Amino acid sequence: MRVTVFLSEKLDIQITEQVKHLLICLRERPQSVKEAMKNLGLNHRPTFIYDYLKPAMSLGFAEMTEPDSPNSPKQKYRLTGKGKAFLSLKNEDINHGRFEQ
């Protein structure tokens, strides 16, 4: 299922359920791949990378905490300002009955 979200009048983004779940997972704090997978109940790393993480990053909703060292053992992922704005918008739409799942 895809959800269309308008972050501005000119921006129409298609967000998968997987990306939404990852953003919710990253809401509280940055997480490593292993932590996020555990919190999402996933066991298959490629599924997480290609269905959750890469789309969230390509949309600008998530980013690396160590962008200069992508293979660092300390690497974690966090929400960007755009990701936080999406979650705020999502919560506002749910509260006003405008968000369709």
C-alpha atoms as a PDB file:
ATOM      1  CA  MET A   1       0.000   0.000   0.000  1.00  0.00           C
ATOM      2  CA  ARG A   2       1.227   3.493  -0.809  1.00  0.00           C
ATOM      3  CA  VAL A   3       0.197   6.662   0.952  1.00  0.00           C
ATOM      4  CA  THR A   4       0.381  10.027  -0.756  1.00  0.00           C
ATOM      5  CA  VAL A   5       1.547  12.794   1.527  1.00  0.00           C
ATOM      6  CA  PHE A   6       1.693  16.473   0.693  1.00  0.00           C
ATOM      7  CA  LEU A   7       4.606  18.048   2.589  1.00  0.00           C
ATOM      8  CA  SER A   8       4.052  21.233   0.644  1.00  0.00           C
ATOM      9  CA  GLU A   9       1.672  22.286  -2.075  1.00  0.00           C
ATOM     10  CA  LYS A  10       4.269  21.405  -4.723  1.00  0.00           C
ATOM     11  CA  LEU A  11       5.594  18.131  -3.292  1.00  0.00           C
ATOM     12  CA  ASP A  12       3.715  14.857  -3.763  1.00  0.00           C
ATOM     13  CA  ILE A  13       5.585  11.840  -2.372  1.00  0.00           C
ATOM     14  CA  GLN A  14       4.600   8.183  -2.455  1.00  0.00           C
ATOM     15  CA  ILE A  15       5.541   6.483   0.824  1.00  0.00           C
ATOM     16  CA  THR A  16       5.427   2.723   1.324  1.00  0.00           C
ATOM     17  CA  GLU A  17       4.216   1.143   4.523  1.00  0.00           C
ATOM     18  CA  GLN A  18       7.751  -0.154   5.106  1.00  0.00           C
ATOM     19  CA  VAL A  19       9.211   3.371   5.022  1.00  0.00           C
ATOM     20  CA  LYS A  20       6.486   4.628   7.372  1.00  0.00           C
ATOM     21  CA  HIS A  21       7.280   1.839   9.836  1.00  0.00           C
ATOM     22  CA  LEU A  22      10.997   2.650   9.712  1.00  0.00           C
ATOM     23  CA  LEU A  23      10.361   6.351  10.335  1.00  0.00           C
ATOM     24  CA  ILE A  24       8.211   5.520  13.340  1.00  0.00           C
ATOM     25  CA  CYS A  25      10.970   3.185  14.547  1.00  0.00           C
ATOM     26  CA  LEU A  26      13.585   5.972  14.267  1.00  0.00           C
ATOM     27  CA  ARG A  27      11.370   8.581  15.950  1.00  0.00           C
ATOM     28  CA  GLU A  28      12.839   8.229  19.440  1.00  0.00           C
ATOM     29  CA  ARG A  29      16.551   7.867  18.691  1.00  0.00           C
ATOM     30  CA  PRO A  30      19.091   6.899  16.022  1.00  0.00           C
ATOM     31  CA  GLN A  31      19.449   3.147  15.565  1.00  0.00           C
ATOM     32  CA  SER A  32      21.874   0.738  13.944  1.00  0.00           C
ATOM     33  CA  VAL A  33      20.675  -1.596  11.215  1.00  0.00           C
ATOM     34  CA  LYS A  34      20.601  -4.439  13.733  1.00  0.00           C
ATOM     35  CA  GLU A  35      18.567  -2.434  16.275  1.00  0.00           C
ATOM     36  CA  ALA A  36      16.066  -1.213  13.695  1.00  0.00           C
ATOM     37  CA  MET A  37      15.626  -4.690  12.247  1.00  0.00           C
ATOM     38  CA  LYS A  38      14.965  -6.087  15.710  1.00  0.00           C
ATOM     39  CA  ASN A  39      12.451  -3.340  16.502  1.00  0.00           C
ATOM     40  CA  LEU A  40      10.663  -3.958  13.197  1.00  0.00           C
ATOM     41  CA  GLY A  41      10.654  -7.736  13.707  1.00  0.00           C
ATOM     42  CA  LEU A  42      12.804  -8.397  10.629  1.00  0.00           C
ATOM     43  CA  ASN A  43      15.466 -11.070  10.191  1.00  0.00           C
ATOM     44  CA  HIS A  44      16.466 -10.665   6.547  1.00  0.00           C
ATOM     45  CA  ARG A  45      19.009  -7.843   6.195  1.00  0.00           C
ATOM     46  CA  PRO A  46      18.633  -7.375   2.401  1.00  0.00           C
ATOM     47  CA  THR A  47      14.876  -6.919   2.803  1.00  0.00           C
ATOM     48  CA  PHE A  48      15.490  -4.244   5.431  1.00  0.00           C
ATOM     49  CA  ILE A  49      18.127  -2.470   3.343  1.00  0.00           C
ATOM     50  CA  TYR A  50      16.239  -2.480   0.022  1.00  0.00           C
ATOM     51  CA  ASP A  51      12.621  -2.147   1.194  1.00  0.00           C
ATOM     52  CA  TYR A  52      13.009   0.082   4.247  1.00  0.00           C
ATOM     53  CA  LEU A  53      16.330   1.905   4.600  1.00  0.00           C
ATOM     54  CA  LYS A  54      17.323   2.802   1.027  1.00  0.00           C
ATOM     55  CA  PRO A  55      13.891   4.190   0.089  1.00  0.00           C
ATOM     56  CA  ALA A  56      13.745   6.256   3.311  1.00  0.00           C
ATOM     57  CA  MET A  57      17.198   7.663   2.616  1.00  0.00           C
ATOM     58  CA  SER A  58      16.521   8.346  -1.068  1.00  0.00           C
ATOM     59  CA  LEU A  59      13.383  10.298  -0.090  1.00  0.00           C
ATOM     60  CA  GLY A  60      15.486  12.314   2.365  1.00  0.00           C
ATOM     61  CA  PHE A  61      13.614  11.036   5.435  1.00  0.00           C
ATOM     62  CA  ALA A  62      16.558   9.227   7.063  1.00  0.00           C
ATOM     63  CA  GLU A  63      20.313   9.767   7.116  1.00  0.00           C
ATOM     64  CA  MET A  64      23.507   8.221   8.451  1.00  0.00           C
ATOM     65  CA  THR A  65      24.947   9.480  11.712  1.00  0.00           C
ATOM     66  CA  GLU A  66      28.456   8.864  10.312  1.00  0.00           C
ATOM     67  CA  PRO A  67      28.138   9.877   6.628  1.00  0.00           C
ATOM     68  CA  ASP A  68      31.923  10.013   6.134  1.00  0.00           C
ATOM     69  CA  SER A  69      32.253   6.397   7.345  1.00  0.00           C
ATOM     70  CA  PRO A  70      29.345   4.428   5.846  1.00  0.00           C
ATOM     71  CA  ASN A  71      30.822   1.079   6.934  1.00  0.00           C
ATOM     72  CA  SER A  72      31.629   2.163  10.475  1.00  0.00           C
ATOM     73  CA  PRO A  73      30.626  -0.321  13.180  1.00  0.00           C
ATOM     74  CA  LYS A  74      29.200   2.698  15.028  1.00  0.00           C
ATOM     75  CA  GLN A  75      26.962   3.649  12.082  1.00  0.00           C
ATOM     76  CA  LYS A  76      23.393   4.493  12.980  1.00  0.00           C
ATOM     77  CA  TYR A  77      20.494   6.028  11.120  1.00  0.00           C
ATOM     78  CA  ARG A  78      18.315   8.930  12.224  1.00  0.00           C
ATOM     79  CA  LEU A  79      15.398  10.960  10.976  1.00  0.00           C
ATOM     80  CA  THR A  80      16.099  14.094   8.990  1.00  0.00           C
ATOM     81  CA  GLY A  81      14.081  17.269   9.388  1.00  0.00           C
ATOM     82  CA  LYS A  82      11.973  16.099   6.460  1.00  0.00           C
ATOM     83  CA  GLY A  83      11.355  12.743   8.179  1.00  0.00           C
ATOM     84  CA  LYS A  84      10.319  14.498  11.387  1.00  0.00           C
ATOM     85  CA  ALA A  85       8.017  16.794   9.392  1.00  0.00           C
ATOM     86  CA  PHE A  86       6.396  13.766   7.760  1.00  0.00           C
ATOM     87  CA  LEU A  87       5.724  12.146  11.140  1.00  0.00           C
ATOM     88  CA  SER A  88       4.296  15.409  12.497  1.00  0.00           C
ATOM     89  CA  LEU A  89       2.087  15.745   9.448  1.00  0.00           C
ATOM     90  CA  LYS A  90       1.011  12.122   9.745  1.00  0.00           C
ATOM     91  CA  ASN A  91       0.067  12.580  13.406  1.00  0.00           C
ATOM     92  CA  GLU A  92      -1.825  15.788  12.604  1.00  0.00           C
ATOM     93  CA  ASP A  93      -3.727  14.112   9.770  1.00  0.00           C
ATOM     94  CA  ILE A  94      -4.626  11.135  11.963  1.00  0.00           C
ATOM     95  CA  ASN A  95      -5.934  13.515  14.645  1.00  0.00           C
ATOM     96  CA  HIS A  96      -8.052  15.337  12.047  1.00  0.00           C
ATOM     97  CA  GLY A  97      -9.259  12.188  10.273  1.00  0.00           C
ATOM     98  CA  ARG A  98      -7.463  12.964   6.994  1.00  0.00           C
ATOM     99  CA  PHE A  99      -4.889  10.177   6.921  1.00  0.00           C
ATOM    100  CA  GLU A 100      -5.809   7.074   4.969  1.00  0.00           C
ATOM    101  CA  GLN A 101      -4.017   3.814   5.551  1.00  0.00           C
END
